[in-house]
């Protein structure tokens, strides 16, 4: 039997009340899942949109609304992490392509290529052992941050932040060794 306008109004009103009741706790839960503060509202909104589309599937007898929302939030955050991983891999491939093009363009100047190689080697050797290990795990073993974190007993977000800092140290080191114009 098709839903009547009154049924829609009842459902929408009930959903609106539940959203108002659970909005703050859902935002806190999303933040606890490791979502950056400036993205919490967007992720929470996505969770509520999914919940609204699937509200007919919610069964109060089988569980409470807050638990149901948390399950949706976990899936939304996991999906976003997968999308981010794909984007970061694309960026890395693009960077490798640019580096390969740069090497091809500079093939005639082998001494410049060797200078870049020597500078990078020196910068890598100057890093602390734990930083070199993170880079080795990421780029030689091709592990993601969560896998790396599990291997060294840290959270994936902490590993991502550490990798960001290590890359920044390398960028600054390379800039000082070969000039900022040559190493953006």
C-alpha atoms as a PDB file:
ATOM      1  CA  UNK A   1       0.000   0.000   0.000  1.00  0.00           C
ATOM      2  CA  UNK A   2       1.507   3.375  -1.004  1.00  0.00           C
ATOM      3  CA  UNK A   3       2.336   5.825   1.746  1.00  0.00           C
ATOM      4  CA  UNK A   4      -0.084   8.711   2.098  1.00  0.00           C
ATOM      5  CA  UNK A   5       0.870  12.360   2.581  1.00  0.00           C
ATOM      6  CA  UNK A   6       0.013  12.037   6.270  1.00  0.00           C
ATOM      7  CA  UNK A   7       2.318   9.030   6.594  1.00  0.00           C
ATOM      8  CA  UNK A   8       5.137  11.017   4.960  1.00  0.00           C
ATOM      9  CA  UNK A   9       4.521  13.936   7.337  1.00  0.00           C
ATOM     10  CA  UNK A  10       4.528  11.603  10.336  1.00  0.00           C
ATOM     11  CA  UNK A  11       7.721   9.926   9.156  1.00  0.00           C
ATOM     12  CA  UNK A  12       9.445  13.220   8.353  1.00  0.00           C
ATOM     13  CA  UNK A  13       8.410  14.765  11.659  1.00  0.00           C
ATOM     14  CA  UNK A  14       9.614  11.727  13.583  1.00  0.00           C
ATOM     15  CA  UNK A  15      12.905  11.734  11.676  1.00  0.00           C
ATOM     16  CA  UNK A  16      13.374  15.477  12.325  1.00  0.00           C
ATOM     17  CA  UNK A  17      12.847  14.931  16.055  1.00  0.00           C
ATOM     18  CA  UNK A  18      15.363  12.083  16.100  1.00  0.00           C
ATOM     19  CA  UNK A  19      17.917  14.190  14.206  1.00  0.00           C
ATOM     20  CA  UNK A  20      17.530  17.052  16.677  1.00  0.00           C
ATOM     21  CA  UNK A  21      17.895  14.618  19.572  1.00  0.00           C
ATOM     22  CA  UNK A  22      21.003  12.825  18.229  1.00  0.00           C
ATOM     23  CA  UNK A  23      22.797  15.527  16.230  1.00  0.00           C
ATOM     24  CA  UNK A  24      25.350  16.536  18.885  1.00  0.00           C
ATOM     25  CA  UNK A  25      26.241  12.989  19.902  1.00  0.00           C
ATOM     26  CA  UNK A  26      26.609  11.915  16.263  1.00  0.00           C
ATOM     27  CA  UNK A  27      28.979  14.814  15.566  1.00  0.00           C
ATOM     28  CA  UNK A  28      31.061  13.800  18.604  1.00  0.00           C
ATOM     29  CA  UNK A  29      31.108  10.194  17.433  1.00  0.00           C
ATOM     30  CA  UNK A  30      32.182  11.193  13.910  1.00  0.00           C
ATOM     31  CA  UNK A  31      35.010  13.292  15.369  1.00  0.00           C
ATOM     32  CA  UNK A  32      36.024  10.344  17.561  1.00  0.00           C
ATOM     33  CA  UNK A  33      36.339   8.233  14.390  1.00  0.00           C
ATOM     34  CA  UNK A  34      39.227  10.477  13.379  1.00  0.00           C
ATOM     35  CA  UNK A  35      37.474  12.844  10.998  1.00  0.00           C
ATOM     36  CA  UNK A  36      39.210  16.222  10.828  1.00  0.00           C
ATOM     37  CA  UNK A  37      37.235  18.919  12.699  1.00  0.00           C
ATOM     38  CA  UNK A  38      36.479  20.928   9.548  1.00  0.00           C
ATOM     39  CA  UNK A  39      34.850  17.855   7.913  1.00  0.00           C
ATOM     40  CA  UNK A  40      32.729  16.664  10.854  1.00  0.00           C
ATOM     41  CA  UNK A  41      29.617  18.608   9.823  1.00  0.00           C
ATOM     42  CA  UNK A  42      29.812  17.338   6.236  1.00  0.00           C
ATOM     43  CA  UNK A  43      30.211  13.723   7.311  1.00  0.00           C
ATOM     44  CA  UNK A  44      27.396  14.023   9.871  1.00  0.00           C
ATOM     45  CA  UNK A  45      25.155  15.504   7.187  1.00  0.00           C
ATOM     46  CA  UNK A  46      25.962  12.585   4.867  1.00  0.00           C
ATOM     47  CA  UNK A  47      25.091  10.171   7.670  1.00  0.00           C
ATOM     48  CA  UNK A  48      21.726  11.857   8.194  1.00  0.00           C
ATOM     49  CA  UNK A  49      21.036  11.821   4.432  1.00  0.00           C
ATOM     50  CA  UNK A  50      21.716   8.088   4.272  1.00  0.00           C
ATOM     51  CA  UNK A  51      19.590   7.557   7.380  1.00  0.00           C
ATOM     52  CA  UNK A  52      16.741   9.559   5.860  1.00  0.00           C
ATOM     53  CA  UNK A  53      16.851   7.571   2.623  1.00  0.00           C
ATOM     54  CA  UNK A  54      16.845   4.311   4.589  1.00  0.00           C
ATOM     55  CA  UNK A  55      14.587   5.417   7.450  1.00  0.00           C
ATOM     56  CA  UNK A  56      11.930   2.906   6.416  1.00  0.00           C
ATOM     57  CA  UNK A  57      14.505   0.153   7.182  1.00  0.00           C
ATOM     58  CA  UNK A  58      14.987   1.349  10.772  1.00  0.00           C
ATOM     59  CA  UNK A  59      13.248  -0.940  13.256  1.00  0.00           C
ATOM     60  CA  UNK A  60      12.913   0.487  16.762  1.00  0.00           C
ATOM     61  CA  UNK A  61      12.223  -2.980  18.158  1.00  0.00           C
ATOM     62  CA  UNK A  62      15.647  -4.225  17.029  1.00  0.00           C
ATOM     63  CA  UNK A  63      17.775  -1.307  18.194  1.00  0.00           C
ATOM     64  CA  UNK A  64      17.984   2.327  19.083  1.00  0.00           C
ATOM     65  CA  UNK A  65      18.380   5.150  16.578  1.00  0.00           C
ATOM     66  CA  UNK A  66      21.733   6.286  17.971  1.00  0.00           C
ATOM     67  CA  UNK A  67      23.303   2.847  17.441  1.00  0.00           C
ATOM     68  CA  UNK A  68      21.879   2.715  13.934  1.00  0.00           C
ATOM     69  CA  UNK A  69      23.359   6.154  13.151  1.00  0.00           C
ATOM     70  CA  UNK A  70      26.749   5.108  14.523  1.00  0.00           C
ATOM     71  CA  UNK A  71      26.756   2.095  12.196  1.00  0.00           C
ATOM     72  CA  UNK A  72      26.016   4.334   9.221  1.00  0.00           C
ATOM     73  CA  UNK A  73      28.722   6.777  10.371  1.00  0.00           C
ATOM     74  CA  UNK A  74      31.329   4.016  10.584  1.00  0.00           C
ATOM     75  CA  UNK A  75      30.541   2.983   7.003  1.00  0.00           C
ATOM     76  CA  UNK A  76      30.584   6.590   5.737  1.00  0.00           C
ATOM     77  CA  UNK A  77      33.973   7.266   7.360  1.00  0.00           C
ATOM     78  CA  UNK A  78      35.396   3.974   6.033  1.00  0.00           C
ATOM     79  CA  UNK A  79      34.149   4.835   2.526  1.00  0.00           C
ATOM     80  CA  UNK A  80      35.704   8.299   2.763  1.00  0.00           C
ATOM     81  CA  UNK A  81      39.017   6.785   3.866  1.00  0.00           C
ATOM     82  CA  UNK A  82      38.972   4.444   0.858  1.00  0.00           C
ATOM     83  CA  UNK A  83      38.234   7.372  -1.471  1.00  0.00           C
ATOM     84  CA  UNK A  84      41.049   9.382   0.132  1.00  0.00           C
ATOM     85  CA  UNK A  85      43.457   6.474  -0.272  1.00  0.00           C
ATOM     86  CA  UNK A  86      42.582   6.225  -3.967  1.00  0.00           C
ATOM     87  CA  UNK A  87      43.066   9.991  -4.369  1.00  0.00           C
ATOM     88  CA  UNK A  88      46.435   9.888  -2.588  1.00  0.00           C
ATOM     89  CA  UNK A  89      47.569   7.026  -4.804  1.00  0.00           C
ATOM     90  CA  UNK A  90      46.562   9.010  -7.884  1.00  0.00           C
ATOM     91  CA  UNK A  91      48.515  12.000  -6.618  1.00  0.00           C
ATOM     92  CA  UNK A  92      51.553   9.801  -5.994  1.00  0.00           C
ATOM     93  CA  UNK A  93      51.325   8.352  -9.508  1.00  0.00           C
ATOM     94  CA  UNK A  94      51.016  11.856 -10.939  1.00  0.00           C
ATOM     95  CA  UNK A  95      54.066  12.925  -8.941  1.00  0.00           C
ATOM     96  CA  UNK A  96      56.034   9.943 -10.222  1.00  0.00           C
ATOM     97  CA  UNK A  97      55.004  10.791 -13.785  1.00  0.00           C
ATOM     98  CA  UNK A  98      56.165  14.385 -13.298  1.00  0.00           C
ATOM     99  CA  UNK A  99      59.468  13.221 -11.851  1.00  0.00           C
ATOM    100  CA  UNK A 100      59.943  10.798 -14.738  1.00  0.00           C
ATOM    101  CA  UNK A 101      59.220  13.589 -17.237  1.00  0.00           C
ATOM    102  CA  UNK A 102      61.666  15.871 -15.434  1.00  0.00           C
ATOM    103  CA  UNK A 103      64.358  13.191 -15.575  1.00  0.00           C
ATOM    104  CA  UNK A 104      63.639  12.590 -19.274  1.00  0.00           C
ATOM    105  CA  UNK A 105      63.860  16.325 -20.002  1.00  0.00           C
ATOM    106  CA  UNK A 106      67.128  16.605 -18.077  1.00  0.00           C
ATOM    107  CA  UNK A 107      68.628  13.423 -19.489  1.00  0.00           C
ATOM    108  CA  UNK A 108      71.224  15.483 -21.287  1.00  0.00           C
ATOM    109  CA  UNK A 109      72.356  16.905 -17.941  1.00  0.00           C
ATOM    110  CA  UNK A 110      73.249  13.732 -16.072  1.00  0.00           C
ATOM    111  CA  UNK A 111      75.253  15.685 -13.517  1.00  0.00           C
ATOM    112  CA  UNK A 112      72.087  17.515 -12.391  1.00  0.00           C
ATOM    113  CA  UNK A 113      70.253  14.212 -11.983  1.00  0.00           C
ATOM    114  CA  UNK A 114      73.146  12.825  -9.971  1.00  0.00           C
ATOM    115  CA  UNK A 115      73.161  15.947  -7.805  1.00  0.00           C
ATOM    116  CA  UNK A 116      69.468  15.501  -7.037  1.00  0.00           C
ATOM    117  CA  UNK A 117      70.062  11.833  -6.261  1.00  0.00           C
ATOM    118  CA  UNK A 118      72.986  12.630  -3.954  1.00  0.00           C
ATOM    119  CA  UNK A 119      70.998  15.378  -2.214  1.00  0.00           C
ATOM    120  CA  UNK A 120      68.067  13.056  -1.632  1.00  0.00           C
ATOM    121  CA  UNK A 121      70.364  10.341  -0.331  1.00  0.00           C
ATOM    122  CA  UNK A 122      71.948  12.822   2.076  1.00  0.00           C
ATOM    123  CA  UNK A 123      68.575  14.090   3.267  1.00  0.00           C
ATOM    124  CA  UNK A 124      67.335  10.547   3.830  1.00  0.00           C
ATOM    125  CA  UNK A 125      70.473   9.616   5.769  1.00  0.00           C
ATOM    126  CA  UNK A 126      70.042  12.683   7.983  1.00  0.00           C
ATOM    127  CA  UNK A 127      66.581  11.501   9.086  1.00  0.00           C
ATOM    128  CA  UNK A 128      66.194   9.649  12.375  1.00  0.00           C
ATOM    129  CA  UNK A 129      65.981   5.874  12.061  1.00  0.00           C
ATOM    130  CA  UNK A 130      62.253   5.746  12.919  1.00  0.00           C
ATOM    131  CA  UNK A 131      61.490   8.281  10.152  1.00  0.00           C
ATOM    132  CA  UNK A 132      63.466   6.271   7.592  1.00  0.00           C
ATOM    133  CA  UNK A 133      61.610   3.157   8.736  1.00  0.00           C
ATOM    134  CA  UNK A 134      58.249   4.871   8.149  1.00  0.00           C
ATOM    135  CA  UNK A 135      59.323   5.853   4.634  1.00  0.00           C
ATOM    136  CA  UNK A 136      60.595   2.333   3.942  1.00  0.00           C
ATOM    137  CA  UNK A 137      57.321   0.784   5.097  1.00  0.00           C
ATOM    138  CA  UNK A 138      55.275   3.237   3.033  1.00  0.00           C
ATOM    139  CA  UNK A 139      57.272   3.330  -0.194  1.00  0.00           C
ATOM    140  CA  UNK A 140      59.162   0.039  -0.299  1.00  0.00           C
ATOM    141  CA  UNK A 141      56.534  -2.210   1.259  1.00  0.00           C
ATOM    142  CA  UNK A 142      53.600  -0.084  -0.039  1.00  0.00           C
ATOM    143  CA  UNK A 143      51.774  -0.293   3.307  1.00  0.00           C
ATOM    144  CA  UNK A 144      48.954   2.095   4.137  1.00  0.00           C
ATOM    145  CA  UNK A 145      48.987   4.129   7.342  1.00  0.00           C
ATOM    146  CA  UNK A 146      46.629   1.795   9.205  1.00  0.00           C
ATOM    147  CA  UNK A 147      48.761  -1.259   8.381  1.00  0.00           C
ATOM    148  CA  UNK A 148      51.899   0.607   9.343  1.00  0.00           C
ATOM    149  CA  UNK A 149      50.285   1.687  12.600  1.00  0.00           C
ATOM    150  CA  UNK A 150      49.321  -1.875  13.429  1.00  0.00           C
ATOM    151  CA  UNK A 151      52.914  -2.991  12.798  1.00  0.00           C
ATOM    152  CA  UNK A 152      54.456  -0.361  15.060  1.00  0.00           C
ATOM    153  CA  UNK A 153      51.692  -0.026  17.662  1.00  0.00           C
ATOM    154  CA  UNK A 154      50.344   3.390  16.666  1.00  0.00           C
ATOM    155  CA  UNK A 155      47.062   4.712  15.316  1.00  0.00           C
ATOM    156  CA  UNK A 156      46.774   5.164  11.563  1.00  0.00           C
ATOM    157  CA  UNK A 157      46.085   8.892  11.949  1.00  0.00           C
ATOM    158  CA  UNK A 158      49.279   9.315  13.983  1.00  0.00           C
ATOM    159  CA  UNK A 159      51.232   7.506  11.258  1.00  0.00           C
ATOM    160  CA  UNK A 160      49.708   9.759   8.565  1.00  0.00           C
ATOM    161  CA  UNK A 161      50.723  12.847  10.546  1.00  0.00           C
ATOM    162  CA  UNK A 162      54.236  11.491  11.063  1.00  0.00           C
ATOM    163  CA  UNK A 163      54.598  10.768   7.347  1.00  0.00           C
ATOM    164  CA  UNK A 164      53.431  14.274   6.529  1.00  0.00           C
ATOM    165  CA  UNK A 165      56.066  15.741   8.872  1.00  0.00           C
ATOM    166  CA  UNK A 166      58.824  13.495   7.487  1.00  0.00           C
ATOM    167  CA  UNK A 167      57.944  14.469   3.906  1.00  0.00           C
ATOM    168  CA  UNK A 168      58.006  18.133   4.927  1.00  0.00           C
ATOM    169  CA  UNK A 169      61.471  17.701   6.471  1.00  0.00           C
ATOM    170  CA  UNK A 170      62.652  16.051   3.241  1.00  0.00           C
ATOM    171  CA  UNK A 171      61.157  18.827   1.126  1.00  0.00           C
ATOM    172  CA  UNK A 172      62.910  21.508   3.175  1.00  0.00           C
ATOM    173  CA  UNK A 173      66.178  19.571   3.140  1.00  0.00           C
ATOM    174  CA  UNK A 174      66.049  19.121  -0.628  1.00  0.00           C
ATOM    175  CA  UNK A 175      65.172  22.782  -1.064  1.00  0.00           C
ATOM    176  CA  UNK A 176      68.216  23.812   0.952  1.00  0.00           C
ATOM    177  CA  UNK A 177      70.540  21.396  -0.881  1.00  0.00           C
ATOM    178  CA  UNK A 178      69.486  21.963  -4.485  1.00  0.00           C
ATOM    179  CA  UNK A 179      67.524  25.208  -4.272  1.00  0.00           C
ATOM    180  CA  UNK A 180      63.845  25.874  -3.842  1.00  0.00           C
ATOM    181  CA  UNK A 181      63.366  26.527  -7.560  1.00  0.00           C
ATOM    182  CA  UNK A 182      64.523  23.023  -8.427  1.00  0.00           C
ATOM    183  CA  UNK A 183      62.552  21.278  -5.672  1.00  0.00           C
ATOM    184  CA  UNK A 184      59.047  22.716  -5.079  1.00  0.00           C
END
